[in-house]
Amino acid sequence: TWDVALSRTARAWGKKCVFERNKHLEEAQMAHPTFNSVGENMWVGPAKEFNASVVIRSWYEERENYTFQNDSCSADCSYYVQLVWDISYKVGCAVTACSTVGNITRAALFICNYAP
């Protein structure tokens, strides 16, 4: 279910316009008033290419790298695992327009935060 506080955390971190993990997600009550641990997925690219459905689908497509039998990945599948984590039941996302993020100009930074 949607969580406004998680989306506010995503928006606040996105305003920094850096493609780096939010270092406050594991700190009690820094990322959310209730949850002590918050997960995160991020995407950055040209703003004109941003489409939330396409980005979320790309995260989900990492399932091709995931082996259910032994809970392992043959390549990166961290976005997929976060997206479908069985104990996560809250999500909040935000997209932020940035003049630059790294070497991308007129960028969009899309962040989703998840909580158990």
PDB file of N, CA and C in Angstrom:
ATOM      1  N   THR A   1       0.843  -1.184   0.000  1.00  0.00           N
ATOM      2  CA  THR A   1       0.000   0.000   0.000  1.00  0.00           C
ATOM      3  C   THR A   1       0.885   1.242   0.000  1.00  0.00           C
ATOM      4  N   TRP A   2       0.315   2.327  -0.500  1.00  0.00           N
ATOM      5  CA  TRP A   2       1.045   3.585  -0.603  1.00  0.00           C
ATOM      6  C   TRP A   2       1.297   4.181   0.770  1.00  0.00           C
ATOM      7  N   ASP A   3       2.474   4.733   0.966  1.00  0.00           N
ATOM      8  CA  ASP A   3       2.828   5.371   2.229  1.00  0.00           C
ATOM      9  C   ASP A   3       3.379   6.774   1.936  1.00  0.00           C
ATOM     10  N   VAL A   4       2.668   7.780   2.398  1.00  0.00           N
ATOM     11  CA  VAL A   4       3.048   9.170   2.132  1.00  0.00           C
ATOM     12  C   VAL A   4       4.414   9.498   2.719  1.00  0.00           C
ATOM     13  N   ALA A   5       4.707   9.011   3.920  1.00  0.00           N
ATOM     14  CA  ALA A   5       5.998   9.309   4.549  1.00  0.00           C
ATOM     15  C   ALA A   5       7.154   8.731   3.724  1.00  0.00           C
ATOM     16  N   LEU A   6       6.975   7.535   3.166  1.00  0.00           N
ATOM     17  CA  LEU A   6       8.019   6.952   2.316  1.00  0.00           C
ATOM     18  C   LEU A   6       8.202   7.768   1.047  1.00  0.00           C
ATOM     19  N   SER A   7       7.123   8.266   0.477  1.00  0.00           N
ATOM     20  CA  SER A   7       7.254   9.093  -0.732  1.00  0.00           C
ATOM     21  C   SER A   7       7.928  10.422  -0.401  1.00  0.00           C
ATOM     22  N   ARG A   8       7.661  10.963   0.775  1.00  0.00           N
ATOM     23  CA  ARG A   8       8.341  12.201   1.187  1.00  0.00           C
ATOM     24  C   ARG A   8       9.838  11.982   1.377  1.00  0.00           C
ATOM     25  N   THR A   9      10.200  10.822   1.919  1.00  0.00           N
ATOM     26  CA  THR A   9      11.615  10.483   2.069  1.00  0.00           C
ATOM     27  C   THR A   9      12.267  10.371   0.697  1.00  0.00           C
ATOM     28  N   ALA A  10      11.591   9.722  -0.244  1.00  0.00           N
ATOM     29  CA  ALA A  10      12.111   9.604  -1.610  1.00  0.00           C
ATOM     30  C   ALA A  10      12.279  10.989  -2.237  1.00  0.00           C
ATOM     31  N   ARG A  11      11.302  11.846  -2.051  1.00  0.00           N
ATOM     32  CA  ARG A  11      11.364  13.196  -2.619  1.00  0.00           C
ATOM     33  C   ARG A  11      12.510  13.997  -1.993  1.00  0.00           C
ATOM     34  N   ALA A  12      12.640  13.933  -0.675  1.00  0.00           N
ATOM     35  CA  ALA A  12      13.691  14.697   0.014  1.00  0.00           C
ATOM     36  C   ALA A  12      15.076  14.255  -0.451  1.00  0.00           C
ATOM     37  N   TRP A  13      15.286  12.948  -0.574  1.00  0.00           N
ATOM     38  CA  TRP A  13      16.594  12.469  -1.019  1.00  0.00           C
ATOM     39  C   TRP A  13      16.797  12.811  -2.497  1.00  0.00           C
ATOM     40  N   GLY A  14      15.752  12.689  -3.289  1.00  0.00           N
ATOM     41  CA  GLY A  14      15.840  13.006  -4.709  1.00  0.00           C
ATOM     42  C   GLY A  14      16.246  14.451  -4.959  1.00  0.00           C
ATOM     43  N   LYS A  15      15.838  15.359  -4.099  1.00  0.00           N
ATOM     44  CA  LYS A  15      16.185  16.771  -4.270  1.00  0.00           C
ATOM     45  C   LYS A  15      17.684  17.023  -4.154  1.00  0.00           C
ATOM     46  N   LYS A  16      18.431  16.057  -3.628  1.00  0.00           N
ATOM     47  CA  LYS A  16      19.888  16.192  -3.559  1.00  0.00           C
ATOM     48  C   LYS A  16      20.520  15.979  -4.938  1.00  0.00           C
ATOM     49  N   CYS A  17      19.747  15.377  -5.853  1.00  0.00           N
ATOM     50  CA  CYS A  17      20.196  15.140  -7.229  1.00  0.00           C
ATOM     51  C   CYS A  17      21.521  14.376  -7.291  1.00  0.00           C
ATOM     52  N   VAL A  18      21.621  13.316  -6.492  1.00  0.00           N
ATOM     53  CA  VAL A  18      22.773  12.419  -6.528  1.00  0.00           C
ATOM     54  C   VAL A  18      22.256  10.986  -6.676  1.00  0.00           C
ATOM     55  N   PHE A  19      22.939  10.205  -7.480  1.00  0.00           N
ATOM     56  CA  PHE A  19      22.552   8.805  -7.677  1.00  0.00           C
ATOM     57  C   PHE A  19      23.342   7.955  -6.693  1.00  0.00           C
ATOM     58  N   GLU A  20      22.982   8.103  -5.415  1.00  0.00           N
ATOM     59  CA  GLU A  20      23.625   7.389  -4.309  1.00  0.00           C
ATOM     60  C   GLU A  20      22.547   6.954  -3.337  1.00  0.00           C
ATOM     61  N   ARG A  21      22.785   5.821  -2.710  1.00  0.00           N
ATOM     62  CA  ARG A  21      21.838   5.312  -1.718  1.00  0.00           C
ATOM     63  C   ARG A  21      21.687   6.314  -0.579  1.00  0.00           C
ATOM     64  N   ASN A  22      20.457   6.467  -0.112  1.00  0.00           N
ATOM     65  CA  ASN A  22      20.162   7.336   1.032  1.00  0.00           C
ATOM     66  C   ASN A  22      20.800   6.720   2.275  1.00  0.00           C
ATOM     67  N   LYS A  23      21.792   7.387   2.818  1.00  0.00           N
ATOM     68  CA  LYS A  23      22.544   6.852   3.959  1.00  0.00           C
ATOM     69  C   LYS A  23      21.739   6.842   5.254  1.00  0.00           C
ATOM     70  N   HIS A  24      20.568   7.450   5.276  1.00  0.00           N
ATOM     71  CA  HIS A  24      19.755   7.525   6.493  1.00  0.00           C
ATOM     72  C   HIS A  24      18.700   6.424   6.586  1.00  0.00           C
ATOM     73  N   LEU A  25      18.607   5.548   5.594  1.00  0.00           N
ATOM     74  CA  LEU A  25      17.532   4.556   5.564  1.00  0.00           C
ATOM     75  C   LEU A  25      17.599   3.546   6.697  1.00  0.00           C
ATOM     76  N   GLU A  26      18.770   3.291   7.223  1.00  0.00           N
ATOM     77  CA  GLU A  26      18.916   2.314   8.306  1.00  0.00           C
ATOM     78  C   GLU A  26      18.912   2.959   9.697  1.00  0.00           C
ATOM     79  N   GLU A  27      18.795   4.281   9.752  1.00  0.00           N
ATOM     80  CA  GLU A  27      18.795   4.981  11.034  1.00  0.00           C
ATOM     81  C   GLU A  27      17.358   5.109  11.555  1.00  0.00           C
ATOM     82  N   ALA A  28      17.155   4.722  12.802  1.00  0.00           N
ATOM     83  CA  ALA A  28      15.817   4.755  13.399  1.00  0.00           C
ATOM     84  C   ALA A  28      15.198   6.146  13.272  1.00  0.00           C
ATOM     85  N   GLN A  29      14.006   6.167  12.721  1.00  0.00           N
ATOM     86  CA  GLN A  29      13.169   7.356  12.582  1.00  0.00           C
ATOM     87  C   GLN A  29      13.788   8.491  11.766  1.00  0.00           C
ATOM     88  N   MET A  30      14.808   8.182  10.965  1.00  0.00           N
ATOM     89  CA  MET A  30      15.366   9.193  10.073  1.00  0.00           C
ATOM     90  C   MET A  30      14.664   9.172   8.718  1.00  0.00           C
ATOM     91  N   ALA A  31      14.239   7.996   8.267  1.00  0.00           N
ATOM     92  CA  ALA A  31      13.591   7.870   6.961  1.00  0.00           C
ATOM     93  C   ALA A  31      12.086   7.724   7.076  1.00  0.00           C
ATOM     94  N   HIS A  32      11.611   7.334   8.260  1.00  0.00           N
ATOM     95  CA  HIS A  32      10.180   7.100   8.455  1.00  0.00           C
ATOM     96  C   HIS A  32       9.862   7.197   9.939  1.00  0.00           C
ATOM     97  N   PRO A  33       8.706   7.742  10.290  1.00  0.00           N
ATOM     98  CA  PRO A  33       8.375   7.877  11.715  1.00  0.00           C
ATOM     99  C   PRO A  33       8.087   6.554  12.424  1.00  0.00           C
ATOM    100  N   THR A  34       7.769   5.495  11.668  1.00  0.00           N
ATOM    101  CA  THR A  34       7.416   4.206  12.270  1.00  0.00           C
ATOM    102  C   THR A  34       8.446   3.126  11.999  1.00  0.00           C
ATOM    103  N   PHE A  35       8.901   3.012  10.753  1.00  0.00           N
ATOM    104  CA  PHE A  35       9.789   1.929  10.356  1.00  0.00           C
ATOM    105  C   PHE A  35      11.249   2.285  10.598  1.00  0.00           C
ATOM    106  N   ASN A  36      12.000   1.321  11.133  1.00  0.00           N
ATOM    107  CA  ASN A  36      13.409   1.547  11.433  1.00  0.00           C
ATOM    108  C   ASN A  36      14.326   1.180  10.270  1.00  0.00           C
ATOM    109  N   SER A  37      13.824   0.419   9.321  1.00  0.00           N
ATOM    110  CA  SER A  37      14.628   0.008   8.181  1.00  0.00           C
ATOM    111  C   SER A  37      13.808   0.196   6.915  1.00  0.00           C
ATOM    112  N   VAL A  38      14.376   0.878   5.947  1.00  0.00           N
ATOM    113  CA  VAL A  38      13.670   1.190   4.714  1.00  0.00           C
ATOM    114  C   VAL A  38      14.538   0.761   3.534  1.00  0.00           C
ATOM    115  N   GLY A  39      13.920   0.082   2.564  1.00  0.00           N
ATOM    116  CA  GLY A  39      14.607  -0.315   1.351  1.00  0.00           C
ATOM    117  C   GLY A  39      14.446   0.744   0.269  1.00  0.00           C
ATOM    118  N   GLU A  40      15.231   0.597  -0.812  1.00  0.00           N
ATOM    119  CA  GLU A  40      15.231   1.652  -1.823  1.00  0.00           C
ATOM    120  C   GLU A  40      15.603   1.103  -3.198  1.00  0.00           C
ATOM    121  N   ASN A  41      14.897   1.583  -4.210  1.00  0.00           N
ATOM    122  CA  ASN A  41      15.266   1.388  -5.612  1.00  0.00           C
ATOM    123  C   ASN A  41      15.390   2.763  -6.242  1.00  0.00           C
ATOM    124  N   MET A  42      16.352   2.909  -7.151  1.00  0.00           N
ATOM    125  CA  MET A  42      16.573   4.201  -7.806  1.00  0.00           C
ATOM    126  C   MET A  42      16.775   4.011  -9.305  1.00  0.00           C
ATOM    127  N   TRP A  43      16.376   5.029 -10.051  1.00  0.00           N
ATOM    128  CA  TRP A  43      16.629   5.099 -11.486  1.00  0.00           C
ATOM    129  C   TRP A  43      16.994   6.532 -11.815  1.00  0.00           C
ATOM    130  N   VAL A  44      17.948   6.715 -12.704  1.00  0.00           N
ATOM    131  CA  VAL A  44      18.280   8.049 -13.189  1.00  0.00           C
ATOM    132  C   VAL A  44      18.456   7.976 -14.700  1.00  0.00           C
ATOM    133  N   GLY A  45      18.014   9.028 -15.355  1.00  0.00           N
ATOM    134  CA  GLY A  45      18.157   9.104 -16.801  1.00  0.00           C
ATOM    135  C   GLY A  45      17.645  10.440 -17.286  1.00  0.00           C
ATOM    136  N   PRO A  46      17.687  10.655 -18.587  1.00  0.00           N
ATOM    137  CA  PRO A  46      17.146  11.901 -19.131  1.00  0.00           C
ATOM    138  C   PRO A  46      15.660  12.026 -18.809  1.00  0.00           C
ATOM    139  N   ALA A  47      15.234  13.197 -18.370  1.00  0.00           N
ATOM    140  CA  ALA A  47      13.841  13.400 -17.974  1.00  0.00           C
ATOM    141  C   ALA A  47      12.878  13.031 -19.091  1.00  0.00           C
ATOM    142  N   LYS A  48      13.246  13.311 -20.334  1.00  0.00           N
ATOM    143  CA  LYS A  48      12.352  13.021 -21.450  1.00  0.00           C
ATOM    144  C   LYS A  48      12.157  11.521 -21.662  1.00  0.00           C
ATOM    145  N   GLU A  49      13.022  10.698 -21.072  1.00  0.00           N
ATOM    146  CA  GLU A  49      12.903   9.237 -21.195  1.00  0.00           C
ATOM    147  C   GLU A  49      12.205   8.585 -20.000  1.00  0.00           C
ATOM    148  N   PHE A  50      11.872   9.384 -18.984  1.00  0.00           N
ATOM    149  CA  PHE A  50      11.295   8.792 -17.771  1.00  0.00           C
ATOM    150  C   PHE A  50       9.853   8.352 -17.988  1.00  0.00           C
ATOM    151  N   ASN A  51       9.588   7.122 -17.562  1.00  0.00           N
ATOM    152  CA  ASN A  51       8.242   6.564 -17.547  1.00  0.00           C
ATOM    153  C   ASN A  51       8.216   5.578 -16.386  1.00  0.00           C
ATOM    154  N   ALA A  52       7.436   5.879 -15.349  1.00  0.00           N
ATOM    155  CA  ALA A  52       7.439   5.058 -14.133  1.00  0.00           C
ATOM    156  C   ALA A  52       7.132   3.594 -14.432  1.00  0.00           C
ATOM    157  N   SER A  53       6.165   3.318 -15.277  1.00  0.00           N
ATOM    158  CA  SER A  53       5.813   1.932 -15.582  1.00  0.00           C
ATOM    159  C   SER A  53       6.970   1.190 -16.233  1.00  0.00           C
ATOM    160  N   VAL A  54       7.656   1.846 -17.147  1.00  0.00           N
ATOM    161  CA  VAL A  54       8.789   1.220 -17.828  1.00  0.00           C
ATOM    162  C   VAL A  54       9.921   0.946 -16.836  1.00  0.00           C
ATOM    163  N   VAL A  55      10.191   1.906 -15.956  1.00  0.00           N
ATOM    164  CA  VAL A  55      11.261   1.730 -14.970  1.00  0.00           C
ATOM    165  C   VAL A  55      10.937   0.578 -14.030  1.00  0.00           C
ATOM    166  N   ILE A  56       9.728   0.550 -13.496  1.00  0.00           N
ATOM    167  CA  ILE A  56       9.343  -0.510 -12.557  1.00  0.00           C
ATOM    168  C   ILE A  56       9.369  -1.863 -13.252  1.00  0.00           C
ATOM    169  N   ARG A  57       8.928  -1.913 -14.498  1.00  0.00           N
ATOM    170  CA  ARG A  57       8.999  -3.153 -15.266  1.00  0.00           C
ATOM    171  C   ARG A  57      10.451  -3.606 -15.432  1.00  0.00           C
ATOM    172  N   SER A  58      11.371  -2.667 -15.652  1.00  0.00           N
ATOM    173  CA  SER A  58      12.788  -3.045 -15.815  1.00  0.00           C
ATOM    174  C   SER A  58      13.337  -3.616 -14.511  1.00  0.00           C
ATOM    175  N   TRP A  59      12.911  -3.060 -13.380  1.00  0.00           N
ATOM    176  CA  TRP A  59      13.327  -3.628 -12.097  1.00  0.00           C
ATOM    177  C   TRP A  59      12.802  -5.059 -11.966  1.00  0.00           C
ATOM    178  N   TYR A  60      11.542  -5.249 -12.337  1.00  0.00           N
ATOM    179  CA  TYR A  60      10.918  -6.569 -12.232  1.00  0.00           C
ATOM    180  C   TYR A  60      11.585  -7.581 -13.169  1.00  0.00           C
ATOM    181  N   GLU A  61      12.033  -7.136 -14.320  1.00  0.00           N
ATOM    182  CA  GLU A  61      12.643  -8.041 -15.292  1.00  0.00           C
ATOM    183  C   GLU A  61      13.959  -8.641 -14.800  1.00  0.00           C
ATOM    184  N   GLU A  62      14.536  -8.099 -13.741  1.00  0.00           N
ATOM    185  CA  GLU A  62      15.732  -8.717 -13.152  1.00  0.00           C
ATOM    186  C   GLU A  62      15.427 -10.102 -12.594  1.00  0.00           C
ATOM    187  N   ARG A  63      14.161 -10.460 -12.524  1.00  0.00           N
ATOM    188  CA  ARG A  63      13.788 -11.800 -12.031  1.00  0.00           C
ATOM    189  C   ARG A  63      14.453 -12.892 -12.853  1.00  0.00           C
ATOM    190  N   GLU A  64      14.796 -12.574 -14.115  1.00  0.00           N
ATOM    191  CA  GLU A  64      15.484 -13.539 -14.976  1.00  0.00           C
ATOM    192  C   GLU A  64      16.822 -13.952 -14.374  1.00  0.00           C
ATOM    193  N   ASN A  65      17.395 -13.116 -13.516  1.00  0.00           N
ATOM    194  CA  ASN A  65      18.683 -13.402 -12.876  1.00  0.00           C
ATOM    195  C   ASN A  65      18.533 -14.084 -11.518  1.00  0.00           C
ATOM    196  N   TYR A  66      17.289 -14.252 -11.073  1.00  0.00           N
ATOM    197  CA  TYR A  66      17.028 -14.764  -9.727  1.00  0.00           C
ATOM    198  C   TYR A  66      16.682 -16.253  -9.775  1.00  0.00           C
ATOM    199  N   THR A  67      17.275 -17.025  -8.852  1.00  0.00           N
ATOM    200  CA  THR A  67      16.967 -18.447  -8.724  1.00  0.00           C
ATOM    201  C   THR A  67      16.203 -18.657  -7.423  1.00  0.00           C
ATOM    202  N   PHE A  68      14.940 -19.039  -7.550  1.00  0.00           N
ATOM    203  CA  PHE A  68      14.082 -19.204  -6.378  1.00  0.00           C
ATOM    204  C   PHE A  68      14.531 -20.355  -5.484  1.00  0.00           C
ATOM    205  N   GLN A  69      15.016 -21.441  -6.090  1.00  0.00           N
ATOM    206  CA  GLN A  69      15.369 -22.639  -5.328  1.00  0.00           C
ATOM    207  C   GLN A  69      16.409 -22.365  -4.249  1.00  0.00           C
ATOM    208  N   ASN A  70      17.379 -21.524  -4.534  1.00  0.00           N
ATOM    209  CA  ASN A  70      18.412 -21.279  -3.526  1.00  0.00           C
ATOM    210  C   ASN A  70      18.559 -19.795  -3.173  1.00  0.00           C
ATOM    211  N   ASP A  71      17.571 -18.983  -3.561  1.00  0.00           N
ATOM    212  CA  ASP A  71      17.553 -17.563  -3.209  1.00  0.00           C
ATOM    213  C   ASP A  71      18.870 -16.884  -3.585  1.00  0.00           C
ATOM    214  N   SER A  72      19.237 -17.016  -4.864  1.00  0.00           N
ATOM    215  CA  SER A  72      20.489 -16.424  -5.321  1.00  0.00           C
ATOM    216  C   SER A  72      20.289 -15.732  -6.662  1.00  0.00           C
ATOM    217  N   CYS A  73      21.288 -14.957  -7.048  1.00  0.00           N
ATOM    218  CA  CYS A  73      21.247 -14.224  -8.310  1.00  0.00           C
ATOM    219  C   CYS A  73      22.435 -14.603  -9.166  1.00  0.00           C
ATOM    220  N   SER A  74      22.187 -14.807 -10.462  1.00  0.00           N
ATOM    221  CA  SER A  74      23.276 -15.092 -11.393  1.00  0.00           C
ATOM    222  C   SER A  74      23.921 -13.802 -11.893  1.00  0.00           C
ATOM    223  N   ALA A  75      23.233 -12.692 -11.733  1.00  0.00           N
ATOM    224  CA  ALA A  75      23.713 -11.341 -12.046  1.00  0.00           C
ATOM    225  C   ALA A  75      22.944 -10.421 -11.091  1.00  0.00           C
ATOM    226  N   ASP A  76      23.075  -9.132 -11.286  1.00  0.00           N
ATOM    227  CA  ASP A  76      22.389  -8.220 -10.367  1.00  0.00           C
ATOM    228  C   ASP A  76      20.877  -8.414 -10.439  1.00  0.00           C
ATOM    229  N   CYS A  77      20.268  -8.612  -9.295  1.00  0.00           N
ATOM    230  CA  CYS A  77      18.804  -8.695  -9.217  1.00  0.00           C
ATOM    231  C   CYS A  77      18.313  -7.968  -7.964  1.00  0.00           C
ATOM    232  N   SER A  78      19.099  -7.029  -7.482  1.00  0.00           N
ATOM    233  CA  SER A  78      18.756  -6.323  -6.237  1.00  0.00           C
ATOM    234  C   SER A  78      17.483  -5.502  -6.360  1.00  0.00           C
ATOM    235  N   TYR A  79      17.233  -4.895  -7.522  1.00  0.00           N
ATOM    236  CA  TYR A  79      15.999  -4.120  -7.698  1.00  0.00           C
ATOM    237  C   TYR A  79      14.791  -5.047  -7.656  1.00  0.00           C
ATOM    238  N   TYR A  80      14.906  -6.187  -8.333  1.00  0.00           N
ATOM    239  CA  TYR A  80      13.812  -7.163  -8.336  1.00  0.00           C
ATOM    240  C   TYR A  80      13.517  -7.654  -6.924  1.00  0.00           C
ATOM    241  N   VAL A  81      14.553  -8.050  -6.197  1.00  0.00           N
ATOM    242  CA  VAL A  81      14.371  -8.576  -4.838  1.00  0.00           C
ATOM    243  C   VAL A  81      13.686  -7.538  -3.953  1.00  0.00           C
ATOM    244  N   GLN A  82      14.114  -6.294  -4.061  1.00  0.00           N
ATOM    245  CA  GLN A  82      13.488  -5.237  -3.254  1.00  0.00           C
ATOM    246  C   GLN A  82      12.027  -5.044  -3.647  1.00  0.00           C
ATOM    247  N   LEU A  83      11.746  -5.097  -4.928  1.00  0.00           N
ATOM    248  CA  LEU A  83      10.398  -4.871  -5.447  1.00  0.00           C
ATOM    249  C   LEU A  83       9.413  -5.921  -4.958  1.00  0.00           C
ATOM    250  N   VAL A  84       9.846  -7.177  -4.851  1.00  0.00           N
ATOM    251  CA  VAL A  84       8.919  -8.267  -4.502  1.00  0.00           C
ATOM    252  C   VAL A  84       9.147  -8.835  -3.097  1.00  0.00           C
ATOM    253  N   TRP A  85       9.979  -8.179  -2.297  1.00  0.00           N
ATOM    254  CA  TRP A  85      10.303  -8.682  -0.958  1.00  0.00           C
ATOM    255  C   TRP A  85       9.023  -9.016  -0.208  1.00  0.00           C
ATOM    256  N   ASP A  86       8.921 -10.226   0.304  1.00  0.00           N
ATOM    257  CA  ASP A  86       7.651 -10.691   0.860  1.00  0.00           C
ATOM    258  C   ASP A  86       7.209  -9.977   2.132  1.00  0.00           C
ATOM    259  N   ILE A  87       8.102  -9.366   2.876  1.00  0.00           N
ATOM    260  CA  ILE A  87       7.659  -8.682   4.095  1.00  0.00           C
ATOM    261  C   ILE A  87       7.418  -7.189   3.881  1.00  0.00           C
ATOM    262  N   SER A  88       7.728  -6.691   2.683  1.00  0.00           N
ATOM    263  CA  SER A  88       7.443  -5.279   2.398  1.00  0.00           C
ATOM    264  C   SER A  88       5.957  -5.134   2.076  1.00  0.00           C
ATOM    265  N   TYR A  89       5.315  -4.188   2.712  1.00  0.00           N
ATOM    266  CA  TYR A  89       3.908  -3.946   2.406  1.00  0.00           C
ATOM    267  C   TYR A  89       3.596  -2.465   2.266  1.00  0.00           C
ATOM    268  N   LYS A  90       4.593  -1.625   2.382  1.00  0.00           N
ATOM    269  CA  LYS A  90       4.429  -0.178   2.203  1.00  0.00           C
ATOM    270  C   LYS A  90       5.410   0.304   1.153  1.00  0.00           C
ATOM    271  N   VAL A  91       4.965   1.229   0.309  1.00  0.00           N
ATOM    272  CA  VAL A  91       5.825   1.795  -0.727  1.00  0.00           C
ATOM    273  C   VAL A  91       5.493   3.273  -0.891  1.00  0.00           C
ATOM    274  N   GLY A  92       6.521   4.029  -1.208  1.00  0.00           N
ATOM    275  CA  GLY A  92       6.346   5.436  -1.536  1.00  0.00           C
ATOM    276  C   GLY A  92       7.418   5.820  -2.530  1.00  0.00           C
ATOM    277  N   CYS A  93       7.034   6.488  -3.602  1.00  0.00           N
ATOM    278  CA  CYS A  93       7.968   6.843  -4.673  1.00  0.00           C
ATOM    279  C   CYS A  93       7.857   8.326  -4.992  1.00  0.00           C
ATOM    280  N   ALA A  94       8.896   8.830  -5.621  1.00  0.00           N
ATOM    281  CA  ALA A  94       8.889  10.219  -6.090  1.00  0.00           C
ATOM    282  C   ALA A  94       9.865  10.341  -7.242  1.00  0.00           C
ATOM    283  N   VAL A  95       9.541  11.242  -8.159  1.00  0.00           N
ATOM    284  CA  VAL A  95      10.454  11.568  -9.246  1.00  0.00           C
ATOM    285  C   VAL A  95      10.830  13.033  -9.088  1.00  0.00           C
ATOM    286  N   THR A  96      12.111  13.308  -9.249  1.00  0.00           N
ATOM    287  CA  THR A  96      12.627  14.669  -9.094  1.00  0.00           C
ATOM    288  C   THR A  96      13.339  15.082 -10.367  1.00  0.00           C
ATOM    289  N   ALA A  97      13.045  16.278 -10.834  1.00  0.00           N
ATOM    290  CA  ALA A  97      13.764  16.843 -11.976  1.00  0.00           C
ATOM    291  C   ALA A  97      15.040  17.483 -11.457  1.00  0.00           C
ATOM    292  N   CYS A  98      16.159  17.171 -12.094  1.00  0.00           N
ATOM    293  CA  CYS A  98      17.466  17.698 -11.695  1.00  0.00           C
ATOM    294  C   CYS A  98      18.157  18.285 -12.924  1.00  0.00           C
ATOM    295  N   SER A  99      18.847  19.390 -12.729  1.00  0.00           N
ATOM    296  CA  SER A  99      19.584  19.959 -13.865  1.00  0.00           C
ATOM    297  C   SER A  99      20.680  19.001 -14.310  1.00  0.00           C
ATOM    298  N   THR A 100      21.355  18.364 -13.346  1.00  0.00           N
ATOM    299  CA  THR A 100      22.335  17.323 -13.657  1.00  0.00           C
ATOM    300  C   THR A 100      22.367  16.290 -12.540  1.00  0.00           C
ATOM    301  N   VAL A 101      22.592  15.068 -12.930  1.00  0.00           N
ATOM    302  CA  VAL A 101      22.896  13.977 -11.998  1.00  0.00           C
ATOM    303  C   VAL A 101      24.053  13.234 -12.639  1.00  0.00           C
ATOM    304  N   GLY A 102      25.206  13.319 -12.014  1.00  0.00           N
ATOM    305  CA  GLY A 102      26.402  12.750 -12.633  1.00  0.00           C
ATOM    306  C   GLY A 102      26.664  13.453 -13.948  1.00  0.00           C
ATOM    307  N   ASN A 103      26.717  12.690 -15.033  1.00  0.00           N
ATOM    308  CA  ASN A 103      26.953  13.299 -16.344  1.00  0.00           C
ATOM    309  C   ASN A 103      25.673  13.440 -17.169  1.00  0.00           C
ATOM    310  N   ILE A 104      24.525  13.247 -16.534  1.00  0.00           N
ATOM    311  CA  ILE A 104      23.235  13.360 -17.230  1.00  0.00           C
ATOM    312  C   ILE A 104      22.663  14.753 -16.994  1.00  0.00           C
ATOM    313  N   THR A 105      22.430  15.475 -18.069  1.00  0.00           N
ATOM    314  CA  THR A 105      21.808  16.799 -17.942  1.00  0.00           C
ATOM    315  C   THR A 105      20.301  16.669 -18.148  1.00  0.00           C
ATOM    316  N   ARG A 106      19.574  17.613 -17.551  1.00  0.00           N
ATOM    317  CA  ARG A 106      18.101  17.576 -17.583  1.00  0.00           C
ATOM    318  C   ARG A 106      17.618  16.178 -17.200  1.00  0.00           C
ATOM    319  N   ALA A 107      18.023  15.768 -16.027  1.00  0.00           N
ATOM    320  CA  ALA A 107      17.791  14.402 -15.553  1.00  0.00           C
ATOM    321  C   ALA A 107      16.508  14.272 -14.749  1.00  0.00           C
ATOM    322  N   ALA A 108      16.054  13.040 -14.666  1.00  0.00           N
ATOM    323  CA  ALA A 108      14.982  12.657 -13.752  1.00  0.00           C
ATOM    324  C   ALA A 108      15.578  11.619 -12.814  1.00  0.00           C
ATOM    325  N   LEU A 109      15.318  11.782 -11.532  1.00  0.00           N
ATOM    326  CA  LEU A 109      15.765  10.831 -10.517  1.00  0.00           C
ATOM    327  C   LEU A 109      14.507  10.248  -9.884  1.00  0.00           C
ATOM    328  N   PHE A 110      14.293   8.954 -10.086  1.00  0.00           N
ATOM    329  CA  PHE A 110      13.094   8.253  -9.598  1.00  0.00           C
ATOM    330  C   PHE A 110      13.520   7.339  -8.463  1.00  0.00           C
ATOM    331  N   ILE A 111      12.881   7.494  -7.316  1.00  0.00           N
ATOM    332  CA  ILE A 111      13.225   6.712  -6.124  1.00  0.00           C
ATOM    333  C   ILE A 111      11.961   6.101  -5.545  1.00  0.00           C
ATOM    334  N   CYS A 112      12.039   4.825  -5.202  1.00  0.00           N
ATOM    335  CA  CYS A 112      10.964   4.153  -4.469  1.00  0.00           C
ATOM    336  C   CYS A 112      11.549   3.612  -3.173  1.00  0.00           C
ATOM    337  N   ASN A 113      10.856   3.880  -2.081  1.00  0.00           N
ATOM    338  CA  ASN A 113      11.242   3.362  -0.766  1.00  0.00           C
ATOM    339  C   ASN A 113      10.218   2.332  -0.330  1.00  0.00           C
ATOM    340  N   TYR A 114      10.702   1.280   0.353  1.00  0.00           N
ATOM    341  CA  TYR A 114       9.864   0.161   0.776  1.00  0.00           C
ATOM    342  C   TYR A 114      10.063  -0.081   2.265  1.00  0.00           C
ATOM    343  N   ALA A 115       8.985  -0.486   2.932  1.00  0.00           N
ATOM    344  CA  ALA A 115       9.100  -0.777   4.364  1.00  0.00           C
ATOM    345  C   ALA A 115       8.341  -2.055   4.726  1.00  0.00           C
ATOM    346  N   PRO A 116       8.919  -2.801   5.672  1.00  0.00           N
ATOM    347  CA  PRO A 116       8.260  -4.033   6.142  1.00  0.00           C
ATOM    348  C   PRO A 116       7.206  -3.718   7.200  1.00  0.00           C
TER     349      PRO A 116
END
